[in-house]
PDB file of N, CA and C in Angstrom:
ATOM      1  N   MET A   1      -5.569   5.048  13.189  1.00  0.00           N
ATOM      2  CA  MET A   1      -4.376   4.383  13.694  1.00  0.00           C
ATOM      3  C   MET A   1      -3.133   5.117  13.216  1.00  0.00           C
ATOM      4  N   GLN A   2      -2.186   5.263  14.077  1.00  0.00           N
ATOM      5  CA  GLN A   2      -0.947   5.979  13.782  1.00  0.00           C
ATOM      6  C   GLN A   2      -0.162   5.342  12.630  1.00  0.00           C
ATOM      7  N   ILE A   3      -0.165   4.015  12.560  1.00  0.00           N
ATOM      8  CA  ILE A   3       0.628   3.333  11.533  1.00  0.00           C
ATOM      9  C   ILE A   3       0.162   3.716  10.131  1.00  0.00           C
ATOM     10  N   PHE A   4      -1.129   3.952   9.950  1.00  0.00           N
ATOM     11  CA  PHE A   4      -1.624   4.324   8.629  1.00  0.00           C
ATOM     12  C   PHE A   4      -1.144   5.712   8.215  1.00  0.00           C
ATOM     13  N   LYS A   5      -0.945   6.595   9.176  1.00  0.00           N
ATOM     14  CA  LYS A   5      -0.391   7.915   8.866  1.00  0.00           C
ATOM     15  C   LYS A   5       1.036   7.781   8.360  1.00  0.00           C
ATOM     16  N   VAL A   6       1.812   6.904   8.972  1.00  0.00           N
ATOM     17  CA  VAL A   6       3.198   6.683   8.554  1.00  0.00           C
ATOM     18  C   VAL A   6       3.234   6.055   7.154  1.00  0.00           C
ATOM     19  N   ILE A   7       2.349   5.092   6.916  1.00  0.00           N
ATOM     20  CA  ILE A   7       2.285   4.443   5.603  1.00  0.00           C
ATOM     21  C   ILE A   7       1.861   5.447   4.538  1.00  0.00           C
ATOM     22  N   GLU A   8       0.861   6.261   4.864  1.00  0.00           N
ATOM     23  CA  GLU A   8       0.395   7.277   3.911  1.00  0.00           C
ATOM     24  C   GLU A   8       1.518   8.254   3.566  1.00  0.00           C
ATOM     25  N   GLU A   9       2.295   8.641   4.556  1.00  0.00           N
ATOM     26  CA  GLU A   9       3.420   9.541   4.317  1.00  0.00           C
ATOM     27  C   GLU A   9       4.496   8.869   3.456  1.00  0.00           C
ATOM     28  N   ALA A  10       4.706   7.577   3.674  1.00  0.00           N
ATOM     29  CA  ALA A  10       5.713   6.838   2.904  1.00  0.00           C
ATOM     30  C   ALA A  10       5.393   6.827   1.414  1.00  0.00           C
ATOM     31  N   ILE A  11       4.101   6.768   1.079  1.00  0.00           N
ATOM     32  CA  ILE A  11       3.753   6.748  -0.343  1.00  0.00           C
ATOM     33  C   ILE A  11       3.487   8.147  -0.890  1.00  0.00           C
ATOM     34  N   ALA A  12       3.170   9.099  -0.015  1.00  0.00           N
ATOM     35  CA  ALA A  12       2.939  10.478  -0.463  1.00  0.00           C
ATOM     36  C   ALA A  12       4.260  11.211  -0.702  1.00  0.00           C
ATOM     37  N   LYS A  13       5.270  10.869   0.091  1.00  0.00           N
ATOM     38  CA  LYS A  13       6.601  11.461  -0.052  1.00  0.00           C
ATOM     39  C   LYS A  13       7.615  10.329  -0.210  1.00  0.00           C
ATOM     40  N   PRO A  14       7.584   9.649  -1.353  1.00  0.00           N
ATOM     41  CA  PRO A  14       8.404   8.444  -1.531  1.00  0.00           C
ATOM     42  C   PRO A  14       9.889   8.765  -1.726  1.00  0.00           C
ATOM     43  N   PRO A  15      10.751   7.784  -1.410  1.00  0.00           N
ATOM     44  CA  PRO A  15      12.185   7.971  -1.629  1.00  0.00           C
ATOM     45  C   PRO A  15      12.531   8.040  -3.118  1.00  0.00           C
ATOM     46  N   ILE A  16      11.730   7.376  -3.939  1.00  0.00           N
ATOM     47  CA  ILE A  16      11.876   7.433  -5.404  1.00  0.00           C
ATOM     48  C   ILE A  16      10.486   7.595  -5.998  1.00  0.00           C
ATOM     49  N   PRO A  17      10.362   8.312  -7.108  1.00  0.00           N
ATOM     50  CA  PRO A  17       9.034   8.443  -7.723  1.00  0.00           C
ATOM     51  C   PRO A  17       8.595   7.132  -8.370  1.00  0.00           C
ATOM     52  N   HIS A  18       7.296   6.926  -8.416  1.00  0.00           N
ATOM     53  CA  HIS A  18       6.781   5.739  -9.117  1.00  0.00           C
ATOM     54  C   HIS A  18       6.793   6.024 -10.611  1.00  0.00           C
ATOM     55  N   GLU A  19       7.468   5.178 -11.342  1.00  0.00           N
ATOM     56  CA  GLU A  19       7.527   5.281 -12.800  1.00  0.00           C
ATOM     57  C   GLU A  19       6.975   3.977 -13.363  1.00  0.00           C
ATOM     58  N   PRO A  20       5.699   3.979 -13.748  1.00  0.00           N
ATOM     59  CA  PRO A  20       5.036   2.739 -14.165  1.00  0.00           C
ATOM     60  C   PRO A  20       5.758   1.969 -15.271  1.00  0.00           C
ATOM     61  N   TYR A  21       6.509   2.649 -16.105  1.00  0.00           N
ATOM     62  CA  TYR A  21       7.221   1.956 -17.178  1.00  0.00           C
ATOM     63  C   TYR A  21       8.505   1.299 -16.671  1.00  0.00           C
ATOM     64  N   LYS A  22       8.928   1.601 -15.437  1.00  0.00           N
ATOM     65  CA  LYS A  22      10.149   1.014 -14.863  1.00  0.00           C
ATOM     66  C   LYS A  22       9.869  -0.080 -13.839  1.00  0.00           C
ATOM     67  N   GLN A  23       8.841   0.129 -12.997  1.00  0.00           N
ATOM     68  CA  GLN A  23       8.558  -0.853 -11.957  1.00  0.00           C
ATOM     69  C   GLN A  23       7.056  -0.933 -11.722  1.00  0.00           C
ATOM     70  N   SER A  24       6.635  -2.071 -11.198  1.00  0.00           N
ATOM     71  CA  SER A  24       5.218  -2.239 -10.893  1.00  0.00           C
ATOM     72  C   SER A  24       4.861  -1.417  -9.654  1.00  0.00           C
ATOM     73  N   LEU A  25       3.594  -1.113  -9.514  1.00  0.00           N
ATOM     74  CA  LEU A  25       3.127  -0.387  -8.336  1.00  0.00           C
ATOM     75  C   LEU A  25       3.402  -1.198  -7.077  1.00  0.00           C
ATOM     76  N   LYS A  26       3.214  -2.504  -7.166  1.00  0.00           N
ATOM     77  CA  LYS A  26       3.467  -3.377  -6.011  1.00  0.00           C
ATOM     78  C   LYS A  26       4.929  -3.289  -5.582  1.00  0.00           C
ATOM     79  N   ALA A  27       5.851  -3.418  -6.513  1.00  0.00           N
ATOM     80  CA  ALA A  27       7.279  -3.356  -6.180  1.00  0.00           C
ATOM     81  C   ALA A  27       7.650  -1.991  -5.606  1.00  0.00           C
ATOM     82  N   TRP A  28       7.106  -0.935  -6.195  1.00  0.00           N
ATOM     83  CA  TRP A  28       7.384   0.418  -5.721  1.00  0.00           C
ATOM     84  C   TRP A  28       6.857   0.624  -4.303  1.00  0.00           C
ATOM     85  N   ALA A  29       5.620   0.204  -4.048  1.00  0.00           N
ATOM     86  CA  ALA A  29       5.019   0.361  -2.720  1.00  0.00           C
ATOM     87  C   ALA A  29       5.812  -0.421  -1.676  1.00  0.00           C
ATOM     88  N   MET A  30       6.204  -1.639  -2.015  1.00  0.00           N
ATOM     89  CA  MET A  30       6.987  -2.446  -1.083  1.00  0.00           C
ATOM     90  C   MET A  30       8.330  -1.774  -0.787  1.00  0.00           C
ATOM     91  N   TYR A  31       8.967  -1.207  -1.808  1.00  0.00           N
ATOM     92  CA  TYR A  31      10.238  -0.507  -1.619  1.00  0.00           C
ATOM     93  C   TYR A  31      10.055   0.700  -0.688  1.00  0.00           C
ATOM     94  N   CYS A  32       9.021   1.487  -0.930  1.00  0.00           N
ATOM     95  CA  CYS A  32       8.764   2.677  -0.103  1.00  0.00           C
ATOM     96  C   CYS A  32       8.556   2.299   1.360  1.00  0.00           C
ATOM     97  N   LEU A  33       7.820   1.226   1.601  1.00  0.00           N
ATOM     98  CA  LEU A  33       7.548   0.803   2.973  1.00  0.00           C
ATOM     99  C   LEU A  33       8.797   0.226   3.637  1.00  0.00           C
ATOM    100  N   ARG A  34       9.568  -0.537   2.882  1.00  0.00           N
ATOM    101  CA  ARG A  34      10.836  -1.053   3.438  1.00  0.00           C
ATOM    102  C   ARG A  34      11.789   0.090   3.763  1.00  0.00           C
ATOM    103  N   ASP A  35      11.798   1.121   2.926  1.00  0.00           N
ATOM    104  CA  ASP A  35      12.655   2.274   3.157  1.00  0.00           C
ATOM    105  C   ASP A  35      12.304   2.964   4.478  1.00  0.00           C
ATOM    106  N   LYS A  36      11.047   2.887   4.902  1.00  0.00           N
ATOM    107  CA  LYS A  36      10.604   3.473   6.176  1.00  0.00           C
ATOM    108  C   LYS A  36      10.823   2.512   7.350  1.00  0.00           C
ATOM    109  N   GLY A  37      11.379   1.334   7.070  1.00  0.00           N
ATOM    110  CA  GLY A  37      11.690   0.389   8.140  1.00  0.00           C
ATOM    111  C   GLY A  37      10.658  -0.694   8.388  1.00  0.00           C
ATOM    112  N   PHE A  38       9.634  -0.770   7.561  1.00  0.00           N
ATOM    113  CA  PHE A  38       8.630  -1.816   7.722  1.00  0.00           C
ATOM    114  C   PHE A  38       9.165  -3.153   7.226  1.00  0.00           C
ATOM    115  N   ILE A  39       8.705  -4.229   7.848  1.00  0.00           N
ATOM    116  CA  ILE A  39       9.036  -5.579   7.399  1.00  0.00           C
ATOM    117  C   ILE A  39       7.911  -6.012   6.466  1.00  0.00           C
ATOM    118  N   VAL A  40       8.221  -6.077   5.182  1.00  0.00           N
ATOM    119  CA  VAL A  40       7.231  -6.411   4.154  1.00  0.00           C
ATOM    120  C   VAL A  40       7.406  -7.880   3.792  1.00  0.00           C
ATOM    121  N   VAL A  41       6.309  -8.642   3.848  1.00  0.00           N
ATOM    122  CA  VAL A  41       6.366 -10.086   3.639  1.00  0.00           C
ATOM    123  C   VAL A  41       5.307 -10.542   2.639  1.00  0.00           C
ATOM    124  N   TYR A  42       5.455 -11.781   2.200  1.00  0.00           N
ATOM    125  CA  TYR A  42       4.503 -12.431   1.303  1.00  0.00           C
ATOM    126  C   TYR A  42       3.149 -12.568   1.993  1.00  0.00           C
ATOM    127  N   ALA A  43       2.080 -12.438   1.233  1.00  0.00           N
ATOM    128  CA  ALA A  43       0.733 -12.662   1.744  1.00  0.00           C
ATOM    129  C   ALA A  43      -0.047 -13.485   0.730  1.00  0.00           C
ATOM    130  N   GLN A  44      -0.709 -14.513   1.190  1.00  0.00           N
ATOM    131  CA  GLN A  44      -1.416 -15.408   0.288  1.00  0.00           C
ATOM    132  C   GLN A  44      -2.634 -14.764  -0.365  1.00  0.00           C
ATOM    133  N   ASN A  45      -3.424 -14.013   0.377  1.00  0.00           N
ATOM    134  CA  ASN A  45      -4.667 -13.452  -0.164  1.00  0.00           C
ATOM    135  C   ASN A  45      -4.606 -11.951  -0.393  1.00  0.00           C
ATOM    136  N   ALA A  46      -3.396 -11.421  -0.489  1.00  0.00           N
ATOM    137  CA  ALA A  46      -3.192  -9.993  -0.759  1.00  0.00           C
ATOM    138  C   ALA A  46      -1.908  -9.875  -1.567  1.00  0.00           C
ATOM    139  N   ASP A  47      -1.552  -8.648  -1.952  1.00  0.00           N
ATOM    140  CA  ASP A  47      -0.319  -8.462  -2.707  1.00  0.00           C
ATOM    141  C   ASP A  47       0.912  -8.568  -1.807  1.00  0.00           C
ATOM    142  N   PHE A  48       0.781  -8.080  -0.575  1.00  0.00           N
ATOM    143  CA  PHE A  48       1.854  -8.217   0.414  1.00  0.00           C
ATOM    144  C   PHE A  48       1.283  -7.855   1.788  1.00  0.00           C
ATOM    145  N   ALA A  49       2.110  -8.058   2.808  1.00  0.00           N
ATOM    146  CA  ALA A  49       1.690  -7.731   4.170  1.00  0.00           C
ATOM    147  C   ALA A  49       2.842  -7.054   4.898  1.00  0.00           C
ATOM    148  N   ILE A  50       2.503  -6.365   5.965  1.00  0.00           N
ATOM    149  CA  ILE A  50       3.497  -5.756   6.848  1.00  0.00           C
ATOM    150  C   ILE A  50       3.407  -6.479   8.182  1.00  0.00           C
ATOM    151  N   GLU A  51       4.555  -6.981   8.663  1.00  0.00           N
ATOM    152  CA  GLU A  51       4.593  -7.624   9.974  1.00  0.00           C
ATOM    153  C   GLU A  51       4.871  -6.581  11.038  1.00  0.00           C
ATOM    154  N   ARG A  52       4.181  -6.739  12.162  1.00  0.00           N
ATOM    155  CA  ARG A  52       4.394  -5.836  13.289  1.00  0.00           C
ATOM    156  C   ARG A  52       4.602  -6.675  14.549  1.00  0.00           C
ATOM    157  N   LYS A  53       5.467  -6.232  15.420  1.00  0.00           N
ATOM    158  CA  LYS A  53       5.758  -6.971  16.650  1.00  0.00           C
ATOM    159  C   LYS A  53       4.504  -7.072  17.515  1.00  0.00           C
ATOM    160  N   ARG A  54       4.218  -8.286  17.939  1.00  0.00           N
ATOM    161  CA  ARG A  54       3.121  -8.583  18.866  1.00  0.00           C
ATOM    162  C   ARG A  54       1.754  -8.087  18.371  1.00  0.00           C
ATOM    163  N   GLU A  55       1.622  -7.883  17.090  1.00  0.00           N
ATOM    164  CA  GLU A  55       0.332  -7.477  16.526  1.00  0.00           C
ATOM    165  C   GLU A  55       0.089  -8.261  15.246  1.00  0.00           C
ATOM    166  N   GLU A  56      -1.153  -8.223  14.786  1.00  0.00           N
ATOM    167  CA  GLU A  56      -1.483  -8.914  13.543  1.00  0.00           C
ATOM    168  C   GLU A  56      -0.842  -8.216  12.351  1.00  0.00           C
ATOM    169  N   LYS A  57      -0.636  -8.984  11.298  1.00  0.00           N
ATOM    170  CA  LYS A  57      -0.119  -8.401  10.055  1.00  0.00           C
ATOM    171  C   LYS A  57      -1.157  -7.460   9.468  1.00  0.00           C
ATOM    172  N   LEU A  58      -0.668  -6.470   8.721  1.00  0.00           N
ATOM    173  CA  LEU A  58      -1.544  -5.601   7.942  1.00  0.00           C
ATOM    174  C   LEU A  58      -1.415  -6.035   6.485  1.00  0.00           C
ATOM    175  N   TYR A  59      -2.542  -6.286   5.838  1.00  0.00           N
ATOM    176  CA  TYR A  59      -2.542  -6.781   4.463  1.00  0.00           C
ATOM    177  C   TYR A  59      -2.861  -5.660   3.489  1.00  0.00           C
ATOM    178  N   PHE A  60      -2.189  -5.717   2.323  1.00  0.00           N
ATOM    179  CA  PHE A  60      -2.332  -4.679   1.305  1.00  0.00           C
ATOM    180  C   PHE A  60      -2.551  -5.287  -0.075  1.00  0.00           C
ATOM    181  N   LYS A  61      -3.351  -4.581  -0.856  1.00  0.00           N
ATOM    182  CA  LYS A  61      -3.477  -4.842  -2.286  1.00  0.00           C
ATOM    183  C   LYS A  61      -3.182  -3.523  -2.988  1.00  0.00           C
ATOM    184  N   VAL A  62      -2.767  -3.621  -4.244  1.00  0.00           N
ATOM    185  CA  VAL A  62      -2.485  -2.420  -5.020  1.00  0.00           C
ATOM    186  C   VAL A  62      -3.380  -2.390  -6.253  1.00  0.00           C
ATOM    187  N   SER A  63      -3.656  -1.177  -6.721  1.00  0.00           N
ATOM    188  CA  SER A  63      -4.470  -0.992  -7.918  1.00  0.00           C
ATOM    189  C   SER A  63      -3.855   0.133  -8.744  1.00  0.00           C
ATOM    190  N   ASN A  64      -3.732  -0.086 -10.025  1.00  0.00           N
ATOM    191  CA  ASN A  64      -3.146   0.917 -10.914  1.00  0.00           C
ATOM    192  C   ASN A  64      -4.128   2.002 -11.319  1.00  0.00           C
ATOM    193  N   SER A  65      -5.349   1.900 -10.857  1.00  0.00           N
ATOM    194  CA  SER A  65      -6.352   2.911 -11.188  1.00  0.00           C
ATOM    195  C   SER A  65      -7.495   2.847 -10.183  1.00  0.00           C
ATOM    196  N   PRO A  66      -8.006   4.003  -9.776  1.00  0.00           N
ATOM    197  CA  PRO A  66      -9.181   3.991  -8.889  1.00  0.00           C
ATOM    198  C   PRO A  66     -10.370   3.281  -9.534  1.00  0.00           C
ATOM    199  N   ASP A  67     -10.427   3.278 -10.852  1.00  0.00           N
ATOM    200  CA  ASP A  67     -11.527   2.632 -11.563  1.00  0.00           C
ATOM    201  C   ASP A  67     -11.475   1.113 -11.471  1.00  0.00           C
ATOM    202  N   ASP A  68     -10.282   0.565 -11.155  1.00  0.00           N
ATOM    203  CA  ASP A  68     -10.116  -0.884 -11.082  1.00  0.00           C
ATOM    204  C   ASP A  68     -10.462  -1.474  -9.713  1.00  0.00           C
ATOM    205  N   LEU A  69     -10.786  -0.625  -8.756  1.00  0.00           N
ATOM    206  CA  LEU A  69     -11.123  -1.127  -7.419  1.00  0.00           C
ATOM    207  C   LEU A  69     -12.438  -1.892  -7.462  1.00  0.00           C
ATOM    208  N   PRO A  70     -12.522  -2.987  -6.703  1.00  0.00           N
ATOM    209  CA  PRO A  70     -13.799  -3.707  -6.662  1.00  0.00           C
ATOM    210  C   PRO A  70     -14.868  -2.872  -5.965  1.00  0.00           C
ATOM    211  N   ASP A  71     -16.108  -3.114  -6.303  1.00  0.00           N
ATOM    212  CA  ASP A  71     -17.217  -2.370  -5.699  1.00  0.00           C
ATOM    213  C   ASP A  71     -17.366  -2.673  -4.210  1.00  0.00           C
ATOM    214  N   ASP A  72     -17.052  -3.884  -3.842  1.00  0.00           N
ATOM    215  CA  ASP A  72     -17.176  -4.292  -2.435  1.00  0.00           C
ATOM    216  C   ASP A  72     -15.786  -4.528  -1.846  1.00  0.00           C
ATOM    217  N   LEU A  73     -15.163  -3.450  -1.366  1.00  0.00           N
ATOM    218  CA  LEU A  73     -13.825  -3.555  -0.791  1.00  0.00           C
ATOM    219  C   LEU A  73     -13.862  -4.382   0.487  1.00  0.00           C
ATOM    220  N   ASP A  74     -12.904  -5.281   0.611  1.00  0.00           N
ATOM    221  CA  ASP A  74     -12.743  -6.102   1.810  1.00  0.00           C
ATOM    222  C   ASP A  74     -12.247  -5.196   2.941  1.00  0.00           C
ATOM    223  N   ASP A  75     -12.976  -5.125   4.032  1.00  0.00           N
ATOM    224  CA  ASP A  75     -12.632  -4.233   5.142  1.00  0.00           C
ATOM    225  C   ASP A  75     -11.343  -4.618   5.865  1.00  0.00           C
ATOM    226  N   SER A  76     -10.857  -5.845   5.639  1.00  0.00           N
ATOM    227  CA  SER A  76      -9.669  -6.296   6.361  1.00  0.00           C
ATOM    228  C   SER A  76      -8.378  -6.038   5.582  1.00  0.00           C
ATOM    229  N   ILE A  77      -8.484  -5.416   4.416  1.00  0.00           N
ATOM    230  CA  ILE A  77      -7.318  -5.173   3.563  1.00  0.00           C
ATOM    231  C   ILE A  77      -7.229  -3.686   3.232  1.00  0.00           C
ATOM    232  N   SER A  78      -6.008  -3.160   3.284  1.00  0.00           N
ATOM    233  CA  SER A  78      -5.762  -1.778   2.867  1.00  0.00           C
ATOM    234  C   SER A  78      -5.389  -1.782   1.385  1.00  0.00           C
ATOM    235  N   TRP A  79      -5.650  -0.677   0.727  1.00  0.00           N
ATOM    236  CA  TRP A  79      -5.343  -0.542  -0.696  1.00  0.00           C
ATOM    237  C   TRP A  79      -4.395   0.624  -0.924  1.00  0.00           C
ATOM    238  N   ILE A  80      -3.448   0.418  -1.824  1.00  0.00           N
ATOM    239  CA  ILE A  80      -2.605   1.498  -2.330  1.00  0.00           C
ATOM    240  C   ILE A  80      -3.002   1.661  -3.789  1.00  0.00           C
ATOM    241  N   VAL A  81      -3.485   2.858  -4.113  1.00  0.00           N
ATOM    242  CA  VAL A  81      -4.077   3.102  -5.428  1.00  0.00           C
ATOM    243  C   VAL A  81      -3.296   4.189  -6.155  1.00  0.00           C
ATOM    244  N   TRP A  82      -2.931   3.912  -7.393  1.00  0.00           N
ATOM    245  CA  TRP A  82      -2.222   4.870  -8.245  1.00  0.00           C
ATOM    246  C   TRP A  82      -3.239   5.628  -9.079  1.00  0.00           C
ATOM    247  N   ASP A  83      -3.105   6.934  -9.095  1.00  0.00           N
ATOM    248  CA  ASP A  83      -3.965   7.781  -9.936  1.00  0.00           C
ATOM    249  C   ASP A  83      -3.086   8.355 -11.036  1.00  0.00           C
ATOM    250  N   ASN A  84      -3.237   7.847 -12.228  1.00  0.00           N
ATOM    251  CA  ASN A  84      -2.393   8.251 -13.350  1.00  0.00           C
ATOM    252  C   ASN A  84      -2.603   9.719 -13.728  1.00  0.00           C
ATOM    253  N   ALA A  85      -3.792  10.245 -13.474  1.00  0.00           N
ATOM    254  CA  ALA A  85      -4.084  11.642 -13.817  1.00  0.00           C
ATOM    255  C   ALA A  85      -3.260  12.605 -12.958  1.00  0.00           C
ATOM    256  N   THR A  86      -3.154  12.298 -11.666  1.00  0.00           N
ATOM    257  CA  THR A  86      -2.404  13.181 -10.760  1.00  0.00           C
ATOM    258  C   THR A  86      -0.981  12.704 -10.520  1.00  0.00           C
ATOM    259  N   LYS A  87      -0.670  11.489 -10.979  1.00  0.00           N
ATOM    260  CA  LYS A  87       0.658  10.873 -10.769  1.00  0.00           C
ATOM    261  C   LYS A  87       0.982  10.745  -9.279  1.00  0.00           C
ATOM    262  N   ASN A  88      -0.043  10.375  -8.504  1.00  0.00           N
ATOM    263  CA  ASN A  88       0.107  10.191  -7.068  1.00  0.00           C
ATOM    264  C   ASN A  88      -0.508   8.877  -6.632  1.00  0.00           C
ATOM    265  N   ALA A  89       0.051   8.330  -5.560  1.00  0.00           N
ATOM    266  CA  ALA A  89      -0.526   7.146  -4.932  1.00  0.00           C
ATOM    267  C   ALA A  89      -1.275   7.583  -3.692  1.00  0.00           C
ATOM    268  N   SER A  90      -2.325   6.843  -3.380  1.00  0.00           N
ATOM    269  CA  SER A  90      -3.077   7.139  -2.169  1.00  0.00           C
ATOM    270  C   SER A  90      -3.341   5.838  -1.417  1.00  0.00           C
ATOM    271  N   LEU A  91      -3.659   5.977  -0.149  1.00  0.00           N
ATOM    272  CA  LEU A  91      -3.911   4.847   0.711  1.00  0.00           C
ATOM    273  C   LEU A  91      -5.390   4.820   1.090  1.00  0.00           C
ATOM    274  N   ILE A  92      -5.991   3.648   0.958  1.00  0.00           N
ATOM    275  CA  ILE A  92      -7.322   3.402   1.500  1.00  0.00           C
ATOM    276  C   ILE A  92      -7.104   2.399   2.624  1.00  0.00           C
ATOM    277  N   PRO A  93      -7.081   2.872   3.876  1.00  0.00           N
ATOM    278  CA  PRO A  93      -6.780   1.966   4.986  1.00  0.00           C
ATOM    279  C   PRO A  93      -7.917   1.003   5.267  1.00  0.00           C
ATOM    280  N   GLN A  94      -7.545  -0.133   5.836  1.00  0.00           N
ATOM    281  CA  GLN A  94      -8.563  -1.114   6.234  1.00  0.00           C
ATOM    282  C   GLN A  94      -9.424  -0.511   7.332  1.00  0.00           C
ATOM    283  N   LYS A  95     -10.607  -1.072   7.492  1.00  0.00           N
ATOM    284  CA  LYS A  95     -11.494  -0.617   8.560  1.00  0.00           C
ATOM    285  C   LYS A  95     -10.984  -1.169   9.880  1.00  0.00           C
ATOM    286  N   VAL A  96     -10.882  -0.285  10.875  1.00  0.00           N
ATOM    287  CA  VAL A  96     -10.409  -0.679  12.190  1.00  0.00           C
ATOM    288  C   VAL A  96     -11.537  -0.452  13.192  1.00  0.00           C
ATOM    289  N   ASP A  97     -11.813  -1.479  13.990  1.00  0.00           N
ATOM    290  CA  ASP A  97     -12.878  -1.351  14.989  1.00  0.00           C
ATOM    291  C   ASP A  97     -12.480  -0.416  16.113  1.00  0.00           C
TER     292      ASP A  97
END
């Protein structure tokens, strides 16, 4: 899906670097997505969601380490994962039929 490429670019080339001692990964990711023009909203069963016109919301969770990811990832949720070793965030997009 094209939207995941835009989201991946937003976190790969962020407007500000993620500094874990200054802001949470969730706050940083939400800022990066808002900076790209996404409407970021509250989500009950995820860390946040992105609203899209005439389409379903996309739900996101964040993880401060690849090691903290659950073994059974929910296919309906995308993940933004921080890798402290490389100081980069990556996107694990939800499964799309």
